[in-house]
């Protein structure tokens, strides 16, 4: 490199890391609640208004500010610290009735009288037949063919293997399939 008096090298500071956010910032839930209080809108404040208020109040914020804000707003909404109505976040009304869960509410149960003991629960299934305690115990016997019925077993009949018929004594055994047509002479068919 040629050395000339008109060229001066300027040494610029090189920053390879982002500066961490100052630790003097309060937590995001605290910043969000303070921003909603300062905005003081009766219909609530939307996410962009809350973000602008936090930026105006605290100035230097982390680079992922919008992601952190969305995460904490969602978390605060699910934990009922904030209420959302028409895309606006607001503090819950302490005089409002508690939110009902999903589904049909259970029917109110009548109070039981004092000293009432509920009967034991019934076991599952069909109750056994009443039996005479003095009667002898009869063990049922297997059904036999003489006791009635058709004499066949239940279900589909069993397939038995096909037994080949013994070959006839008159000649060669027959082959498989249809036998070929017998050819007749042309003279015999014309003369008839």
Protein backbone atom coordinates (compact mmCIF):
# COMPACT_ATOMS: atom_id res chain seq x y z
CA UNK A 1 0.00 0.00 0.00
CA UNK A 2 1.34 3.36 -1.01
CA UNK A 3 1.82 5.86 1.74
CA UNK A 4 0.36 9.25 1.04
CA UNK A 5 -0.47 12.13 3.28
CA UNK A 6 -4.04 12.43 1.99
CA UNK A 7 -5.02 8.92 3.12
CA UNK A 8 -5.59 8.49 6.78
CA UNK A 9 -6.78 5.34 8.36
CA UNK A 10 -9.68 5.84 10.68
CA UNK A 11 -10.07 3.28 13.42
CA UNK A 12 -13.77 2.64 14.04
CA UNK A 13 -14.85 0.73 17.15
CA UNK A 14 -16.09 -2.73 16.28
CA UNK A 15 -19.02 -4.08 18.32
CA UNK A 16 -19.75 -7.71 17.74
CA UNK A 17 -22.22 -8.23 20.56
CA UNK A 18 -25.53 -6.57 21.18
CA UNK A 19 -25.68 -4.62 24.36
CA UNK A 20 -27.78 -6.42 26.96
CA UNK A 21 -30.85 -4.51 28.14
CA UNK A 22 -30.34 -2.52 31.30
CA UNK A 23 -31.25 -4.47 34.39
CA UNK A 24 -33.14 -1.50 35.81
CA UNK A 25 -36.26 -2.45 33.82
CA UNK A 26 -39.11 -3.87 35.89
CA UNK A 27 -40.68 -7.18 34.92
CA UNK A 28 -42.97 -7.28 31.90
CA UNK A 29 -46.16 -7.91 33.91
CA UNK A 30 -45.38 -4.82 36.01
CA UNK A 31 -44.70 -2.71 32.90
CA UNK A 32 -47.92 -3.92 31.26
CA UNK A 33 -50.07 -3.17 34.33
CA UNK A 34 -48.51 0.28 34.69
CA UNK A 35 -49.07 1.06 30.98
CA UNK A 36 -52.74 0.04 31.22
CA UNK A 37 -53.18 2.23 34.32
CA UNK A 38 -51.52 5.21 32.61
CA UNK A 39 -53.59 4.81 29.44
CA UNK A 40 -56.76 4.61 31.61
CA UNK A 41 -59.16 3.75 28.78
CA UNK A 42 -62.54 2.42 29.91
CA UNK A 43 -62.75 0.09 26.89
CA UNK A 44 -59.24 -1.24 27.51
CA UNK A 45 -56.01 -0.80 25.57
CA UNK A 46 -54.81 -2.77 22.57
CA UNK A 47 -51.37 -4.33 22.24
CA UNK A 48 -49.87 -1.58 20.10
CA UNK A 49 -51.01 1.15 22.51
CA UNK A 50 -49.50 -0.76 25.44
CA UNK A 51 -46.24 -1.22 23.49
CA UNK A 52 -46.04 2.50 22.63
CA UNK A 53 -46.70 3.46 26.28
CA UNK A 54 -43.97 1.09 27.53
CA UNK A 55 -41.49 2.43 24.94
CA UNK A 56 -42.31 6.02 25.88
CA UNK A 57 -41.94 5.33 29.60
CA UNK A 58 -38.85 3.10 29.67
CA UNK A 59 -37.00 4.06 26.48
CA UNK A 60 -34.35 1.35 26.03
CA UNK A 61 -35.99 -2.06 25.62
CA UNK A 62 -34.64 -5.47 24.59
CA UNK A 63 -34.60 -6.27 20.85
CA UNK A 64 -37.29 -8.96 21.29
CA UNK A 65 -39.64 -6.49 22.97
CA UNK A 66 -42.69 -7.22 20.78
CA UNK A 67 -42.33 -11.00 21.23
CA UNK A 68 -41.90 -10.66 24.99
CA UNK A 69 -44.88 -8.32 25.21
CA UNK A 70 -47.15 -10.69 23.25
CA UNK A 71 -46.03 -13.65 25.39
CA UNK A 72 -46.65 -11.88 28.70
CA UNK A 73 -50.02 -10.44 27.56
CA UNK A 74 -51.18 -13.93 26.61
CA UNK A 75 -49.89 -15.41 29.87
CA UNK A 76 -51.58 -12.69 31.95
CA UNK A 77 -54.84 -13.20 30.06
CA UNK A 78 -54.80 -16.95 30.75
CA UNK A 79 -54.04 -16.44 34.45
CA UNK A 80 -56.96 -13.93 34.70
CA UNK A 81 -54.68 -10.99 35.61
CA UNK A 82 -56.03 -9.27 32.49
CA UNK A 83 -59.35 -9.51 30.68
CA UNK A 84 -59.59 -9.26 26.90
CA UNK A 85 -62.62 -7.73 25.21
CA UNK A 86 -62.69 -6.79 21.49
CA UNK A 87 -58.85 -7.06 21.16
CA UNK A 88 -58.39 -4.71 24.11
CA UNK A 89 -56.74 -5.67 27.38
CA UNK A 90 -58.06 -4.33 30.68
CA UNK A 91 -57.89 -5.09 34.37
CA UNK A 92 -60.62 -7.44 35.60
CA UNK A 93 -63.51 -5.82 37.46
CA UNK A 94 -63.40 -6.95 41.10
CA UNK A 95 -67.22 -6.66 41.33
CA UNK A 96 -67.85 -8.80 38.26
CA UNK A 97 -69.23 -12.31 38.81
CA UNK A 98 -66.72 -15.14 38.36
CA UNK A 99 -66.44 -16.64 34.90
CA UNK A 100 -68.45 -19.78 34.30
CA UNK A 101 -66.72 -22.87 32.95
CA UNK A 102 -67.65 -24.64 29.75
CA UNK A 103 -70.69 -26.86 29.53
CA UNK A 104 -73.96 -27.04 31.36
CA UNK A 105 -73.79 -26.24 35.07
CA UNK A 106 -74.60 -29.11 37.45
CA UNK A 107 -78.06 -29.30 39.01
CA UNK A 108 -78.22 -28.16 42.61
CA UNK A 109 -78.48 -31.08 45.02
CA UNK A 110 -80.99 -31.10 47.84
CA UNK A 111 -79.32 -31.30 51.25
CA UNK A 112 -79.61 -34.69 52.98
CA UNK A 113 -81.32 -34.88 56.38
CA UNK A 114 -79.09 -35.15 59.44
CA UNK A 115 -78.13 -38.71 60.37
CA UNK A 116 -79.05 -40.13 56.95
CA UNK A 117 -76.77 -42.95 55.81
CA UNK A 118 -77.02 -43.74 52.08
CA UNK A 119 -77.59 -47.41 51.17
CA UNK A 120 -74.62 -49.35 49.78
CA UNK A 121 -74.19 -49.16 46.04
CA UNK A 122 -75.50 -52.05 43.96
CA UNK A 123 -72.93 -54.24 42.22
CA UNK A 124 -72.89 -54.31 38.44
CA UNK A 125 -74.76 -56.92 36.45
CA UNK A 126 -77.97 -58.84 36.82
CA UNK A 127 -78.82 -59.92 40.37
CA UNK A 128 -78.92 -63.69 40.99
CA UNK A 129 -82.24 -65.54 41.17
CA UNK A 130 -83.82 -66.18 44.54
CA UNK A 131 -83.13 -69.76 45.71
CA UNK A 132 -84.73 -71.87 48.38
CA UNK A 133 -82.05 -72.48 51.06
CA UNK A 134 -83.46 -75.97 51.80
CA UNK A 135 -83.50 -77.17 48.18
CA UNK A 136 -80.66 -79.46 47.02
CA UNK A 137 -78.08 -77.95 44.71
CA UNK A 138 -78.50 -79.31 41.19
CA UNK A 139 -75.58 -79.37 38.82
CA UNK A 140 -76.70 -79.14 35.19
CA UNK A 141 -75.63 -82.08 33.02
CA UNK A 142 -74.34 -81.95 29.46
CA UNK A 143 -76.91 -82.23 26.73
CA UNK A 144 -76.97 -85.54 24.95
CA UNK A 145 -78.51 -86.50 21.64
CA UNK A 146 -81.51 -88.08 23.35
CA UNK A 147 -82.32 -84.89 25.26
CA UNK A 148 -83.72 -83.21 22.18
CA UNK A 149 -82.43 -81.08 19.38
CA UNK A 150 -81.36 -82.10 15.92
CA UNK A 151 -78.27 -84.04 16.99
CA UNK A 152 -75.92 -81.73 15.10
CA UNK A 153 -73.28 -79.60 16.70
CA UNK A 154 -73.55 -75.84 16.70
CA UNK A 155 -71.86 -73.75 14.04
CA UNK A 156 -70.72 -74.31 10.49
CA UNK A 157 -70.21 -77.94 9.46
CA UNK A 158 -66.63 -79.08 9.07
CA UNK A 159 -65.08 -79.47 5.61
CA UNK A 160 -63.82 -82.97 4.95
CA UNK A 161 -61.04 -83.59 2.41
CA UNK A 162 -62.18 -84.88 -0.99
CA UNK A 163 -61.13 -88.49 -1.53
CA UNK A 164 -60.26 -89.40 -5.14
CA UNK A 165 -62.41 -92.19 -6.67
CA UNK A 166 -60.56 -95.34 -7.58
CA UNK A 167 -59.78 -95.55 -11.30
CA UNK A 168 -62.24 -97.55 -13.40
CA UNK A 169 -61.06 -100.94 -14.61
CA UNK A 170 -61.91 -100.22 -18.26
CA UNK A 171 -58.93 -98.25 -19.51
CA UNK A 172 -56.76 -95.23 -19.03
CA UNK A 173 -57.62 -92.83 -16.24
CA UNK A 174 -59.47 -89.72 -17.30
CA UNK A 175 -57.54 -86.49 -17.45
CA UNK A 176 -58.56 -83.20 -15.98
CA UNK A 177 -61.01 -80.88 -17.68
CA UNK A 178 -63.51 -81.30 -20.48
CA UNK A 179 -62.86 -84.12 -22.92
CA UNK A 180 -62.12 -83.07 -26.51
CA UNK A 181 -64.81 -83.23 -29.21
CA UNK A 182 -64.92 -86.42 -31.24
CA UNK A 183 -64.13 -85.75 -34.89
CA UNK A 184 -66.30 -87.51 -37.45
CA UNK A 185 -65.49 -88.03 -41.08
CA UNK A 186 -66.90 -85.61 -43.65
CA UNK A 187 -68.41 -88.39 -45.80
CA UNK A 188 -70.48 -89.76 -42.97
CA UNK A 189 -72.05 -86.35 -42.24
CA UNK A 190 -72.77 -85.54 -45.91
CA UNK A 191 -74.36 -88.93 -46.71
CA UNK A 192 -76.74 -88.84 -43.86
